[in-house]
Amino acid sequence: MATENVDSTAEVARLVTELESAEAYEVKLRQIIVEVRDQLAAGNTASALSMLNQALSYIDDATDVVTSSPRHDAK
């Protein structure tokens, strides 16, 4: 039973870390969207397009955040 408790604690810690990472990812994407919107409102379409391309690169680089992690159901 002690091993299960340690496993549960480790799993909770892993999930908290994963959630924090996902929340930071969401905040970053929201900030990019606001900045792109501001550039579009100012008529700076080239700048907005460049920022969107950078956002796509950011998304591509963050695959560990946007893909599901393996489940640990099999024991």
PDB file of N, CA and C in Angstrom:
ATOM      1  N   MET A   1       0.821  -1.188   0.000  1.00  0.00           N
ATOM      2  CA  MET A   1       0.000   0.000   0.000  1.00  0.00           C
ATOM      3  C   MET A   1       0.871   1.260   0.000  1.00  0.00           C
ATOM      4  N   ALA A   2       2.010   1.228   0.684  1.00  0.00           N
ATOM      5  CA  ALA A   2       2.905   2.379   0.709  1.00  0.00           C
ATOM      6  C   ALA A   2       3.416   2.696  -0.697  1.00  0.00           C
ATOM      7  N   THR A   3       3.668   1.663  -1.477  1.00  0.00           N
ATOM      8  CA  THR A   3       4.138   1.851  -2.848  1.00  0.00           C
ATOM      9  C   THR A   3       3.058   2.528  -3.685  1.00  0.00           C
ATOM     10  N   GLU A   4       1.809   2.115  -3.490  1.00  0.00           N
ATOM     11  CA  GLU A   4       0.708   2.747  -4.224  1.00  0.00           C
ATOM     12  C   GLU A   4       0.585   4.225  -3.859  1.00  0.00           C
ATOM     13  N   ASN A   5       0.798   4.546  -2.585  1.00  0.00           N
ATOM     14  CA  ASN A   5       0.745   5.934  -2.136  1.00  0.00           C
ATOM     15  C   ASN A   5       1.845   6.755  -2.791  1.00  0.00           C
ATOM     16  N   VAL A   6       3.047   6.195  -2.847  1.00  0.00           N
ATOM     17  CA  VAL A   6       4.168   6.880  -3.494  1.00  0.00           C
ATOM     18  C   VAL A   6       3.876   7.054  -4.978  1.00  0.00           C
ATOM     19  N   ASP A   7       3.336   6.005  -5.614  1.00  0.00           N
ATOM     20  CA  ASP A   7       2.981   6.091  -7.028  1.00  0.00           C
ATOM     21  C   ASP A   7       1.922   7.157  -7.267  1.00  0.00           C
ATOM     22  N   SER A   8       0.914   7.213  -6.378  1.00  0.00           N
ATOM     23  CA  SER A   8      -0.142   8.213  -6.505  1.00  0.00           C
ATOM     24  C   SER A   8       0.414   9.620  -6.333  1.00  0.00           C
ATOM     25  N   THR A   9       1.279   9.798  -5.367  1.00  0.00           N
ATOM     26  CA  THR A   9       1.895  11.113  -5.133  1.00  0.00           C
ATOM     27  C   THR A   9       2.723  11.533  -6.336  1.00  0.00           C
ATOM     28  N   ALA A  10       3.470  10.607  -6.888  1.00  0.00           N
ATOM     29  CA  ALA A  10       4.290  10.909  -8.064  1.00  0.00           C
ATOM     30  C   ALA A  10       3.408  11.252  -9.258  1.00  0.00           C
ATOM     31  N   GLU A  11       2.311  10.526  -9.413  1.00  0.00           N
ATOM     32  CA  GLU A  11       1.394  10.789 -10.524  1.00  0.00           C
ATOM     33  C   GLU A  11       0.736  12.153 -10.364  1.00  0.00           C
ATOM     34  N   VAL A  12       0.330  12.509  -9.162  1.00  0.00           N
ATOM     35  CA  VAL A  12      -0.263  13.828  -8.912  1.00  0.00           C
ATOM     36  C   VAL A  12       0.757  14.921  -9.223  1.00  0.00           C
ATOM     37  N   ALA A  13       1.984  14.739  -8.797  1.00  0.00           N
ATOM     38  CA  ALA A  13       3.033  15.735  -9.065  1.00  0.00           C
ATOM     39  C   ALA A  13       3.263  15.873 -10.570  1.00  0.00           C
ATOM     40  N   ARG A  14       3.254  14.756 -11.281  1.00  0.00           N
ATOM     41  CA  ARG A  14       3.442  14.783 -12.737  1.00  0.00           C
ATOM     42  C   ARG A  14       2.286  15.521 -13.404  1.00  0.00           C
ATOM     43  N   LEU A  15       1.071  15.243 -12.951  1.00  0.00           N
ATOM     44  CA  LEU A  15      -0.101  15.893 -13.533  1.00  0.00           C
ATOM     45  C   LEU A  15      -0.125  17.389 -13.242  1.00  0.00           C
ATOM     46  N   VAL A  16       0.290  17.781 -12.040  1.00  0.00           N
ATOM     47  CA  VAL A  16       0.355  19.202 -11.695  1.00  0.00           C
ATOM     48  C   VAL A  16       1.360  19.905 -12.603  1.00  0.00           C
ATOM     49  N   THR A  17       2.502  19.296 -12.801  1.00  0.00           N
ATOM     50  CA  THR A  17       3.526  19.870 -13.685  1.00  0.00           C
ATOM     51  C   THR A  17       3.003  19.986 -15.110  1.00  0.00           C
ATOM     52  N   GLU A  18       2.316  18.944 -15.570  1.00  0.00           N
ATOM     53  CA  GLU A  18       1.751  18.959 -16.918  1.00  0.00           C
ATOM     54  C   GLU A  18       0.699  20.058 -17.057  1.00  0.00           C
ATOM     55  N   LEU A  19      -0.140  20.216 -16.048  1.00  0.00           N
ATOM     56  CA  LEU A  19      -1.168  21.254 -16.064  1.00  0.00           C
ATOM     57  C   LEU A  19      -0.545  22.645 -16.074  1.00  0.00           C
ATOM     58  N   GLU A  20       0.472  22.858 -15.260  1.00  0.00           N
ATOM     59  CA  GLU A  20       1.150  24.153 -15.225  1.00  0.00           C
ATOM     60  C   GLU A  20       1.769  24.478 -16.573  1.00  0.00           C
ATOM     61  N   SER A  21       2.349  23.469 -17.205  1.00  0.00           N
ATOM     62  CA  SER A  21       2.949  23.661 -18.526  1.00  0.00           C
ATOM     63  C   SER A  21       1.879  24.014 -19.556  1.00  0.00           C
ATOM     64  N   ALA A  22       0.760  23.318 -19.508  1.00  0.00           N
ATOM     65  CA  ALA A  22      -0.329  23.596 -20.447  1.00  0.00           C
ATOM     66  C   ALA A  22      -0.902  24.993 -20.230  1.00  0.00           C
ATOM     67  N   GLU A  23      -1.020  25.406 -18.982  1.00  0.00           N
ATOM     68  CA  GLU A  23      -1.532  26.748 -18.687  1.00  0.00           C
ATOM     69  C   GLU A  23      -0.573  27.821 -19.190  1.00  0.00           C
ATOM     70  N   ALA A  24       0.715  27.610 -19.024  1.00  0.00           N
ATOM     71  CA  ALA A  24       1.704  28.571 -19.523  1.00  0.00           C
ATOM     72  C   ALA A  24       1.652  28.643 -21.053  1.00  0.00           C
ATOM     73  N   TYR A  25       1.457  27.506 -21.682  1.00  0.00           N
ATOM     74  CA  TYR A  25       1.328  27.427 -23.135  1.00  0.00           C
ATOM     75  C   TYR A  25       0.112  28.234 -23.596  1.00  0.00           C
ATOM     76  N   GLU A  26      -1.003  28.069 -22.918  1.00  0.00           N
ATOM     77  CA  GLU A  26      -2.223  28.798 -23.264  1.00  0.00           C
ATOM     78  C   GLU A  26      -2.025  30.301 -23.100  1.00  0.00           C
ATOM     79  N   VAL A  27      -1.394  30.721 -22.017  1.00  0.00           N
ATOM     80  CA  VAL A  27      -1.148  32.140 -21.778  1.00  0.00           C
ATOM     81  C   VAL A  27      -0.295  32.722 -22.898  1.00  0.00           C
ATOM     82  N   LYS A  28       0.742  32.002 -23.292  1.00  0.00           N
ATOM     83  CA  LYS A  28       1.631  32.463 -24.368  1.00  0.00           C
ATOM     84  C   LYS A  28       0.857  32.611 -25.676  1.00  0.00           C
ATOM     85  N   LEU A  29       0.035  31.612 -26.007  1.00  0.00           N
ATOM     86  CA  LEU A  29      -0.736  31.693 -27.251  1.00  0.00           C
ATOM     87  C   LEU A  29      -1.744  32.843 -27.211  1.00  0.00           C
ATOM     88  N   ARG A  30      -2.371  33.048 -26.068  1.00  0.00           N
ATOM     89  CA  ARG A  30      -3.317  34.164 -25.942  1.00  0.00           C
ATOM     90  C   ARG A  30      -2.600  35.504 -26.141  1.00  0.00           C
ATOM     91  N   GLN A  31      -1.402  35.620 -25.589  1.00  0.00           N
ATOM     92  CA  GLN A  31      -0.636  36.857 -25.738  1.00  0.00           C
ATOM     93  C   GLN A  31      -0.272  37.094 -27.198  1.00  0.00           C
ATOM     94  N   ILE A  32       0.109  36.044 -27.887  1.00  0.00           N
ATOM     95  CA  ILE A  32       0.430  36.177 -29.314  1.00  0.00           C
ATOM     96  C   ILE A  32      -0.797  36.643 -30.087  1.00  0.00           C
ATOM     97  N   ILE A  33      -1.949  36.062 -29.781  1.00  0.00           N
ATOM     98  CA  ILE A  33      -3.183  36.437 -30.476  1.00  0.00           C
ATOM     99  C   ILE A  33      -3.505  37.911 -30.240  1.00  0.00           C
ATOM    100  N   VAL A  34      -3.349  38.379 -29.017  1.00  0.00           N
ATOM    101  CA  VAL A  34      -3.602  39.797 -28.706  1.00  0.00           C
ATOM    102  C   VAL A  34      -2.637  40.683 -29.490  1.00  0.00           C
ATOM    103  N   GLU A  35      -1.372  40.301 -29.528  1.00  0.00           N
ATOM    104  CA  GLU A  35      -0.382  41.103 -30.248  1.00  0.00           C
ATOM    105  C   GLU A  35      -0.668  41.117 -31.750  1.00  0.00           C
ATOM    106  N   VAL A  36      -1.061  39.976 -32.305  1.00  0.00           N
ATOM    107  CA  VAL A  36      -1.399  39.913 -33.729  1.00  0.00           C
ATOM    108  C   VAL A  36      -2.627  40.792 -34.009  1.00  0.00           C
ATOM    109  N   ARG A  37      -3.632  40.695 -33.152  1.00  0.00           N
ATOM    110  CA  ARG A  37      -4.835  41.523 -33.320  1.00  0.00           C
ATOM    111  C   ARG A  37      -4.475  43.002 -33.321  1.00  0.00           C
ATOM    112  N   ASP A  38      -3.589  43.397 -32.409  1.00  0.00           N
ATOM    113  CA  ASP A  38      -3.174  44.796 -32.331  1.00  0.00           C
ATOM    114  C   ASP A  38      -2.441  45.223 -33.604  1.00  0.00           C
ATOM    115  N   GLN A  39      -1.603  44.341 -34.122  1.00  0.00           N
ATOM    116  CA  GLN A  39      -0.890  44.660 -35.359  1.00  0.00           C
ATOM    117  C   GLN A  39      -1.851  44.787 -36.531  1.00  0.00           C
ATOM    118  N   LEU A  40      -2.846  43.905 -36.580  1.00  0.00           N
ATOM    119  CA  LEU A  40      -3.844  43.995 -37.653  1.00  0.00           C
ATOM    120  C   LEU A  40      -4.657  45.278 -37.532  1.00  0.00           C
ATOM    121  N   ALA A  41      -5.036  45.626 -36.308  1.00  0.00           N
ATOM    122  CA  ALA A  41      -5.798  46.862 -36.098  1.00  0.00           C
ATOM    123  C   ALA A  41      -5.006  48.091 -36.510  1.00  0.00           C
ATOM    124  N   ALA A  42      -3.695  48.025 -36.374  1.00  0.00           N
ATOM    125  CA  ALA A  42      -2.824  49.145 -36.757  1.00  0.00           C
ATOM    126  C   ALA A  42      -2.487  49.122 -38.251  1.00  0.00           C
ATOM    127  N   GLY A  43      -2.991  48.107 -38.944  1.00  0.00           N
ATOM    128  CA  GLY A  43      -2.742  48.021 -40.386  1.00  0.00           C
ATOM    129  C   GLY A  43      -1.419  47.377 -40.754  1.00  0.00           C
ATOM    130  N   ASN A  44      -0.761  46.771 -39.797  1.00  0.00           N
ATOM    131  CA  ASN A  44       0.545  46.147 -40.040  1.00  0.00           C
ATOM    132  C   ASN A  44       0.385  44.664 -40.366  1.00  0.00           C
ATOM    133  N   THR A  45      -0.154  44.407 -41.562  1.00  0.00           N
ATOM    134  CA  THR A  45      -0.444  43.020 -41.919  1.00  0.00           C
ATOM    135  C   THR A  45       0.816  42.173 -42.070  1.00  0.00           C
ATOM    136  N   ALA A  46       1.878  42.752 -42.587  1.00  0.00           N
ATOM    137  CA  ALA A  46       3.120  41.993 -42.750  1.00  0.00           C
ATOM    138  C   ALA A  46       3.672  41.578 -41.389  1.00  0.00           C
ATOM    139  N   SER A  47       3.628  42.484 -40.452  1.00  0.00           N
ATOM    140  CA  SER A  47       4.095  42.177 -39.106  1.00  0.00           C
ATOM    141  C   SER A  47       3.214  41.103 -38.464  1.00  0.00           C
ATOM    142  N   ALA A  48       1.897  41.218 -38.642  1.00  0.00           N
ATOM    143  CA  ALA A  48       0.967  40.242 -38.085  1.00  0.00           C
ATOM    144  C   ALA A  48       1.213  38.868 -38.690  1.00  0.00           C
ATOM    145  N   LEU A  49       1.443  38.812 -39.989  1.00  0.00           N
ATOM    146  CA  LEU A  49       1.715  37.541 -40.654  1.00  0.00           C
ATOM    147  C   LEU A  49       3.001  36.916 -40.126  1.00  0.00           C
ATOM    148  N   SER A  50       4.013  37.733 -39.927  1.00  0.00           N
ATOM    149  CA  SER A  50       5.277  37.245 -39.370  1.00  0.00           C
ATOM    150  C   SER A  50       5.062  36.676 -37.965  1.00  0.00           C
ATOM    151  N   MET A  51       4.274  37.385 -37.166  1.00  0.00           N
ATOM    152  CA  MET A  51       3.993  36.923 -35.804  1.00  0.00           C
ATOM    153  C   MET A  51       3.219  35.606 -35.825  1.00  0.00           C
ATOM    154  N   LEU A  52       2.293  35.468 -36.769  1.00  0.00           N
ATOM    155  CA  LEU A  52       1.542  34.214 -36.885  1.00  0.00           C
ATOM    156  C   LEU A  52       2.460  33.063 -37.289  1.00  0.00           C
ATOM    157  N   ASN A  53       3.398  33.338 -38.163  1.00  0.00           N
ATOM    158  CA  ASN A  53       4.370  32.303 -38.542  1.00  0.00           C
ATOM    159  C   ASN A  53       5.217  31.893 -37.341  1.00  0.00           C
ATOM    160  N   GLN A  54       5.609  32.863 -36.521  1.00  0.00           N
ATOM    161  CA  GLN A  54       6.349  32.551 -35.299  1.00  0.00           C
ATOM    162  C   GLN A  54       5.491  31.734 -34.342  1.00  0.00           C
ATOM    163  N   ALA A  55       4.195  32.051 -34.277  1.00  0.00           N
ATOM    164  CA  ALA A  55       3.278  31.297 -33.412  1.00  0.00           C
ATOM    165  C   ALA A  55       3.165  29.855 -33.883  1.00  0.00           C
ATOM    166  N   LEU A  56       3.107  29.659 -35.185  1.00  0.00           N
ATOM    167  CA  LEU A  56       3.049  28.286 -35.711  1.00  0.00           C
ATOM    168  C   LEU A  56       4.318  27.513 -35.349  1.00  0.00           C
ATOM    169  N   SER A  57       5.444  28.165 -35.419  1.00  0.00           N
ATOM    170  CA  SER A  57       6.698  27.518 -35.012  1.00  0.00           C
ATOM    171  C   SER A  57       6.672  27.175 -33.532  1.00  0.00           C
ATOM    172  N   TYR A  58       6.135  28.077 -32.736  1.00  0.00           N
ATOM    173  CA  TYR A  58       6.015  27.843 -31.292  1.00  0.00           C
ATOM    174  C   TYR A  58       5.127  26.627 -31.028  1.00  0.00           C
ATOM    175  N   ILE A  59       4.014  26.545 -31.751  1.00  0.00           N
ATOM    176  CA  ILE A  59       3.109  25.409 -31.600  1.00  0.00           C
ATOM    177  C   ILE A  59       3.806  24.117 -32.010  1.00  0.00           C
ATOM    178  N   ASP A  60       4.502  24.148 -33.137  1.00  0.00           N
ATOM    179  CA  ASP A  60       5.209  22.954 -33.612  1.00  0.00           C
ATOM    180  C   ASP A  60       6.282  22.500 -32.634  1.00  0.00           C
ATOM    181  N   ASP A  61       6.938  23.454 -31.993  1.00  0.00           N
ATOM    182  CA  ASP A  61       8.011  23.125 -31.045  1.00  0.00           C
ATOM    183  C   ASP A  61       7.485  22.609 -29.714  1.00  0.00           C
ATOM    184  N   ALA A  62       6.207  22.817 -29.450  1.00  0.00           N
ATOM    185  CA  ALA A  62       5.638  22.455 -28.153  1.00  0.00           C
ATOM    186  C   ALA A  62       4.767  21.204 -28.242  1.00  0.00           C
ATOM    187  N   THR A  63       5.178  20.236 -29.033  1.00  0.00           N
ATOM    188  CA  THR A  63       4.341  19.049 -29.226  1.00  0.00           C
ATOM    189  C   THR A  63       4.118  18.289 -27.928  1.00  0.00           C
ATOM    190  N   ASP A  64       5.053  18.379 -26.979  1.00  0.00           N
ATOM    191  CA  ASP A  64       4.857  17.666 -25.716  1.00  0.00           C
ATOM    192  C   ASP A  64       3.721  18.269 -24.904  1.00  0.00           C
ATOM    193  N   VAL A  65       3.358  19.502 -25.178  1.00  0.00           N
ATOM    194  CA  VAL A  65       2.254  20.144 -24.462  1.00  0.00           C
ATOM    195  C   VAL A  65       0.926  19.813 -25.123  1.00  0.00           C
ATOM    196  N   VAL A  66       0.923  19.706 -26.427  1.00  0.00           N
ATOM    197  CA  VAL A  66      -0.334  19.553 -27.144  1.00  0.00           C
ATOM    198  C   VAL A  66      -0.677  18.111 -27.483  1.00  0.00           C
ATOM    199  N   THR A  67       0.150  17.170 -27.127  1.00  0.00           N
ATOM    200  CA  THR A  67      -0.179  15.768 -27.340  1.00  0.00           C
ATOM    201  C   THR A  67      -0.385  15.105 -25.998  1.00  0.00           C
ATOM    202  N   SER A  68      -1.189  14.088 -26.008  1.00  0.00           N
ATOM    203  CA  SER A  68      -1.468  13.417 -24.739  1.00  0.00           C
ATOM    204  C   SER A  68      -0.282  12.571 -24.317  1.00  0.00           C
ATOM    205  N   SER A  69      -0.132  12.431 -23.022  1.00  0.00           N
ATOM    206  CA  SER A  69       0.942  11.599 -22.492  1.00  0.00           C
ATOM    207  C   SER A  69       0.430  10.172 -22.374  1.00  0.00           C
ATOM    208  N   PRO A  70       1.322   9.202 -22.377  1.00  0.00           N
ATOM    209  CA  PRO A  70       0.893   7.803 -22.270  1.00  0.00           C
ATOM    210  C   PRO A  70       0.208   7.547 -20.942  1.00  0.00           C
ATOM    211  N   ARG A  71      -0.796   6.708 -20.978  1.00  0.00           N
ATOM    212  CA  ARG A  71      -1.515   6.356 -19.755  1.00  0.00           C
ATOM    213  C   ARG A  71      -0.780   5.241 -19.054  1.00  0.00           C
ATOM    214  N   HIS A  72      -0.913   5.208 -17.755  1.00  0.00           N
ATOM    215  CA  HIS A  72      -0.221   4.208 -16.937  1.00  0.00           C
ATOM    216  C   HIS A  72      -1.219   3.212 -16.360  1.00  0.00           C
ATOM    217  N   ASP A  73      -2.214   2.816 -17.166  1.00  0.00           N
ATOM    218  CA  ASP A  73      -3.251   1.902 -16.678  1.00  0.00           C
ATOM    219  C   ASP A  73      -2.760   0.469 -16.572  1.00  0.00           C
ATOM    220  N   ALA A  74      -1.882   0.061 -17.448  1.00  0.00           N
ATOM    221  CA  ALA A  74      -1.418  -1.323 -17.452  1.00  0.00           C
ATOM    222  C   ALA A  74      -0.361  -1.519 -16.369  1.00  0.00           C
ATOM    223  N   LYS A  75      -0.631  -2.437 -15.469  1.00  0.00           N
ATOM    224  CA  LYS A  75       0.331  -2.728 -14.397  1.00  0.00           C
ATOM    225  C   LYS A  75       0.508  -4.203 -14.240  1.00  0.00           C
TER     226      LYS A  75
END
